[in-house]
Amino acid sequence: MFLTLLIVGMAACAFATRYLPIVLFQDRELPGPVKTALNYVPAAVLAALVFPEVVTPMYEGGGDWAVPTLIGGVVTLIAGRLIKNFLAVAAIGVVTFFVLRQLLGG
């Protein structure tokens, strides 16, 4: 029963944090600087999720994973600056990682 209440409570909190701003600010226009800042949120969230996974193998002694992971991350970063298609950038990063892993014997 406790687990069910915990899940329902977490779902309610997740829903409330997304729904309340929509309800409270539906009749207001956001200022220009706020709109501009909000345009950077998806990229910042993605970087916050990916960056630790790219650099963590180097600090945990994962020698076999560190080089392909780091090079794959750098190639993905460069591809992201040159190509604006997110799916293509993600595919380039994944392919780079797996090709390097196979070439380096990982």
Protein backbone atom coordinates (compact mmCIF):
# COMPACT_ATOMS: atom_id res chain seq x y z
CA MET A 1 0.00 0.00 0.00
CA PHE A 2 2.86 2.34 0.85
CA LEU A 3 4.44 1.85 -2.58
CA THR A 4 1.14 2.61 -4.32
CA LEU A 5 0.73 5.83 -2.32
CA LEU A 6 4.31 6.77 -3.07
CA ILE A 7 3.80 6.29 -6.82
CA VAL A 8 0.50 8.22 -6.77
CA GLY A 9 2.13 11.04 -4.78
CA MET A 10 5.07 11.28 -7.18
CA ALA A 11 2.70 11.28 -10.16
CA ALA A 12 0.63 14.06 -8.56
CA CYS A 13 3.76 16.16 -7.95
CA ALA A 14 5.00 15.62 -11.52
CA PHE A 15 1.58 16.53 -12.91
CA ALA A 16 1.22 19.60 -10.69
CA THR A 17 4.60 21.05 -11.66
CA ARG A 18 3.63 20.85 -15.33
CA TYR A 19 -0.05 21.78 -15.10
CA LEU A 20 -0.03 24.68 -12.62
CA PRO A 21 2.14 27.05 -14.70
CA ILE A 22 -0.11 26.43 -17.70
CA VAL A 23 -3.21 27.29 -15.68
CA LEU A 24 -1.69 30.26 -13.84
CA PHE A 25 -0.06 31.90 -16.86
CA GLN A 26 -2.48 31.02 -19.67
CA ASP A 27 -3.74 34.60 -20.05
CA ARG A 28 -0.35 36.31 -19.74
CA GLU A 29 2.26 37.00 -22.39
CA LEU A 30 5.81 36.11 -21.41
CA PRO A 31 8.43 38.86 -21.76
CA GLY A 32 10.90 38.54 -24.64
CA PRO A 33 13.94 37.67 -22.49
CA VAL A 34 12.00 34.89 -20.75
CA LYS A 35 10.94 33.40 -24.08
CA THR A 36 14.52 33.56 -25.30
CA ALA A 37 15.80 31.88 -22.14
CA LEU A 38 13.19 29.14 -22.37
CA ASN A 39 14.39 28.28 -25.88
CA TYR A 40 17.67 27.06 -24.36
CA VAL A 41 16.06 24.74 -21.79
CA PRO A 42 15.83 21.58 -23.97
CA ALA A 43 19.48 21.78 -25.02
CA ALA A 44 20.57 22.46 -21.44
CA VAL A 45 18.60 19.50 -20.10
CA LEU A 46 20.00 17.20 -22.77
CA ALA A 47 23.54 18.35 -22.03
CA ALA A 48 23.00 17.84 -18.30
CA LEU A 49 21.88 14.27 -18.95
CA VAL A 50 24.59 13.35 -21.45
CA PHE A 51 27.71 15.08 -20.09
CA PRO A 52 28.10 12.99 -16.91
CA GLU A 53 27.79 9.78 -18.93
CA VAL A 54 30.55 10.91 -21.29
CA VAL A 55 33.09 11.82 -18.61
CA THR A 56 32.25 9.26 -15.89
CA PRO A 57 34.13 6.28 -17.43
CA MET A 58 37.38 8.24 -17.24
CA TYR A 59 37.06 8.73 -13.48
CA GLU A 60 35.88 5.23 -12.64
CA GLY A 61 38.84 3.51 -14.25
CA GLY A 62 36.82 2.22 -17.18
CA GLY A 63 39.75 2.14 -19.59
CA ASP A 64 37.93 0.10 -22.24
CA TRP A 65 34.93 2.45 -22.31
CA ALA A 66 36.63 5.80 -21.72
CA VAL A 67 38.12 6.41 -25.18
CA PRO A 68 35.09 5.46 -27.33
CA THR A 69 32.74 7.28 -24.98
CA LEU A 70 34.79 10.47 -24.93
CA ILE A 71 35.44 10.52 -28.69
CA GLY A 72 31.80 9.67 -29.39
CA GLY A 73 30.74 12.58 -27.18
CA VAL A 74 33.10 15.00 -28.92
CA VAL A 75 31.96 13.84 -32.38
CA THR A 76 28.34 14.24 -31.27
CA LEU A 77 29.05 17.74 -30.01
CA ILE A 78 30.67 18.74 -33.31
CA ALA A 79 27.86 17.13 -35.31
CA GLY A 80 25.31 18.97 -33.18
CA ARG A 81 26.92 22.30 -34.04
CA LEU A 82 26.97 21.49 -37.77
CA ILE A 83 23.73 19.54 -38.23
CA LYS A 84 20.46 20.78 -36.76
CA ASN A 85 18.64 17.43 -37.04
CA PHE A 86 18.62 15.87 -33.56
CA LEU A 87 17.99 12.32 -34.77
CA ALA A 88 20.91 12.50 -37.20
CA VAL A 89 23.21 13.88 -34.50
CA ALA A 90 22.20 11.12 -32.07
CA ALA A 91 22.74 8.47 -34.75
CA ILE A 92 26.19 9.85 -35.57
CA GLY A 93 27.18 9.73 -31.90
CA VAL A 94 25.92 6.17 -31.38
CA VAL A 95 27.56 4.88 -34.57
CA THR A 96 30.84 6.58 -33.66
CA PHE A 97 30.81 5.02 -30.20
CA PHE A 98 30.11 1.48 -31.42
CA VAL A 99 32.56 1.64 -34.33
CA LEU A 100 35.34 2.85 -32.03
CA ARG A 101 34.46 0.21 -29.46
CA GLN A 102 34.75 -2.51 -32.11
CA LEU A 103 38.00 -1.09 -33.52
CA LEU A 104 39.61 -0.77 -30.10
CA GLY A 105 38.50 -4.23 -29.02
CA GLY A 106 36.05 -3.20 -26.33
